[in-house]
Amino acid sequence: MPASPQRGEVWWLRLDPAQGSEIQKTRPCVVLSSDILNVHRRTVVVVPLSTAPHESPPLLIGLRSVGKPAVAVLDQLRAVTKERLQEKLGVLASTELRALEDGLREILEL
């Protein structure tokens, strides 16, 4: 388990057990919580990534900076324990992180 993952990093994360329509299995996720919270809390806020659906903003945001093209599934935003983090895969480009922030503001009406 990492001491404190950073905002914008992509990690392999164990999402099981999941219920209902929650995204499940081990998959890449983007850390969205602030670095200060990531240091002081035992949980982090993440958005899971998927390679199945096509980009469809603001709900599915396309990402390309971490290898294989993927989409961030914004309606699956969740807080998870750091114990679920397995391996760091990379870091999003700043433009992609901003696209996620913009999409979240839109779907959450912030």
Protein backbone atom coordinates (compact mmCIF):
# COMPACT_ATOMS: atom_id res chain seq x y z
CA MET A 1 0.00 0.00 0.00
CA PRO A 2 1.45 3.41 -0.93
CA ALA A 3 2.00 5.98 1.79
CA SER A 4 0.16 8.68 -0.13
CA PRO A 5 -0.80 8.46 -3.79
CA GLN A 6 -0.87 11.78 -5.63
CA ARG A 7 -3.77 13.52 -7.37
CA GLY A 8 -3.78 12.61 -11.08
CA GLU A 9 -1.94 9.31 -10.65
CA VAL A 10 -3.37 6.16 -12.20
CA TRP A 11 -3.25 2.99 -10.07
CA TRP A 12 -4.37 -0.62 -10.42
CA LEU A 13 -7.14 -0.91 -7.86
CA ARG A 14 -9.10 -3.90 -6.54
CA LEU A 15 -12.76 -2.83 -6.74
CA ASP A 16 -14.31 -6.15 -5.67
CA PRO A 17 -16.54 -6.87 -3.95
CA ALA A 18 -18.88 -4.67 -5.96
CA GLN A 19 -22.66 -4.57 -5.83
CA GLY A 20 -25.34 -3.93 -8.44
CA SER A 21 -24.11 -1.74 -11.30
CA GLU A 22 -20.82 -0.75 -9.67
CA ILE A 23 -17.71 -1.30 -11.80
CA GLN A 24 -15.97 -4.38 -10.53
CA LYS A 25 -12.70 -6.36 -10.73
CA THR A 26 -9.17 -4.99 -10.62
CA ARG A 27 -8.81 -2.06 -12.99
CA PRO A 28 -6.96 1.21 -13.43
CA CYS A 29 -8.33 4.18 -11.51
CA VAL A 30 -7.41 7.87 -11.39
CA VAL A 31 -6.81 9.41 -7.95
CA LEU A 32 -8.83 12.65 -7.71
CA SER A 33 -8.66 13.54 -4.02
CA SER A 34 -6.26 16.31 -3.01
CA ASP A 35 -2.71 15.46 -2.01
CA ILE A 36 -3.33 16.84 1.51
CA LEU A 37 -6.26 14.46 2.01
CA ASN A 38 -4.29 11.59 0.48
CA VAL A 39 -1.60 12.06 3.13
CA HIS A 40 -3.93 12.35 6.12
CA ARG A 41 -6.82 10.01 5.29
CA ARG A 42 -6.90 6.23 4.93
CA THR A 43 -9.09 6.59 1.84
CA VAL A 44 -8.67 8.19 -1.58
CA VAL A 45 -11.28 9.36 -4.07
CA VAL A 46 -10.93 7.67 -7.45
CA VAL A 47 -12.61 7.30 -10.83
CA PRO A 48 -12.33 3.88 -12.53
CA LEU A 49 -11.13 3.55 -16.12
CA SER A 50 -12.56 1.30 -18.82
CA THR A 51 -11.46 0.35 -22.31
CA ALA A 52 -14.90 -0.89 -23.40
CA PRO A 53 -17.11 2.17 -23.98
CA HIS A 54 -16.40 5.03 -26.36
CA GLU A 55 -15.72 8.56 -25.22
CA SER A 56 -18.94 10.45 -24.44
CA PRO A 57 -18.36 13.63 -22.41
CA PRO A 58 -19.22 14.62 -19.77
CA LEU A 59 -19.86 11.08 -18.48
CA LEU A 60 -17.05 9.18 -20.24
CA ILE A 61 -13.84 11.19 -20.65
CA GLY A 62 -11.21 9.89 -23.06
CA LEU A 63 -7.66 9.45 -21.73
CA ARG A 64 -4.54 8.61 -23.70
CA SER A 65 -1.55 9.64 -21.57
CA VAL A 66 -1.25 6.40 -19.58
CA GLY A 67 -0.71 3.91 -22.38
CA LYS A 68 -3.73 2.13 -23.83
CA PRO A 69 -6.63 4.48 -24.72
CA ALA A 70 -9.32 4.39 -22.03
CA VAL A 71 -12.26 6.34 -20.68
CA ALA A 72 -12.79 7.61 -17.15
CA VAL A 73 -16.28 6.55 -16.03
CA LEU A 74 -17.23 9.62 -13.99
CA ASP A 75 -20.52 8.33 -12.58
CA GLN A 76 -18.51 5.60 -10.79
CA LEU A 77 -16.64 8.12 -8.59
CA ARG A 78 -15.94 6.59 -5.19
CA ALA A 79 -13.86 6.72 -2.02
CA VAL A 80 -11.81 3.59 -1.40
CA THR A 81 -9.34 2.46 1.22
CA LYS A 82 -5.68 2.80 0.25
CA GLU A 83 -5.40 -0.95 0.90
CA ARG A 84 -7.10 -1.50 -2.47
CA LEU A 85 -4.25 0.24 -4.35
CA GLN A 86 -1.88 -2.23 -5.98
CA GLU A 87 0.51 -0.66 -8.49
CA LYS A 88 1.08 2.81 -9.90
CA LEU A 89 0.65 2.90 -13.69
CA GLY A 90 1.42 6.52 -14.46
CA VAL A 91 0.18 10.08 -14.25
CA LEU A 92 -2.47 11.88 -16.32
CA ALA A 93 -1.53 14.83 -18.48
CA SER A 94 -2.71 18.11 -16.94
CA THR A 95 -5.18 18.62 -19.82
CA GLU A 96 -6.78 15.24 -19.11
CA LEU A 97 -7.04 15.96 -15.38
CA ARG A 98 -8.77 19.26 -16.20
CA ALA A 99 -11.19 17.41 -18.52
CA LEU A 100 -12.08 15.07 -15.63
CA GLU A 101 -12.62 18.04 -13.30
CA ASP A 102 -14.84 19.77 -15.88
CA GLY A 103 -16.86 16.59 -16.44
CA LEU A 104 -17.38 16.09 -12.70
CA ARG A 105 -18.51 19.68 -12.27
CA GLU A 106 -21.07 19.13 -15.02
CA ILE A 107 -22.48 15.77 -13.92
CA LEU A 108 -22.53 16.76 -10.22
CA GLU A 109 -23.85 20.27 -11.00
CA LEU A 110 -21.06 21.97 -9.03
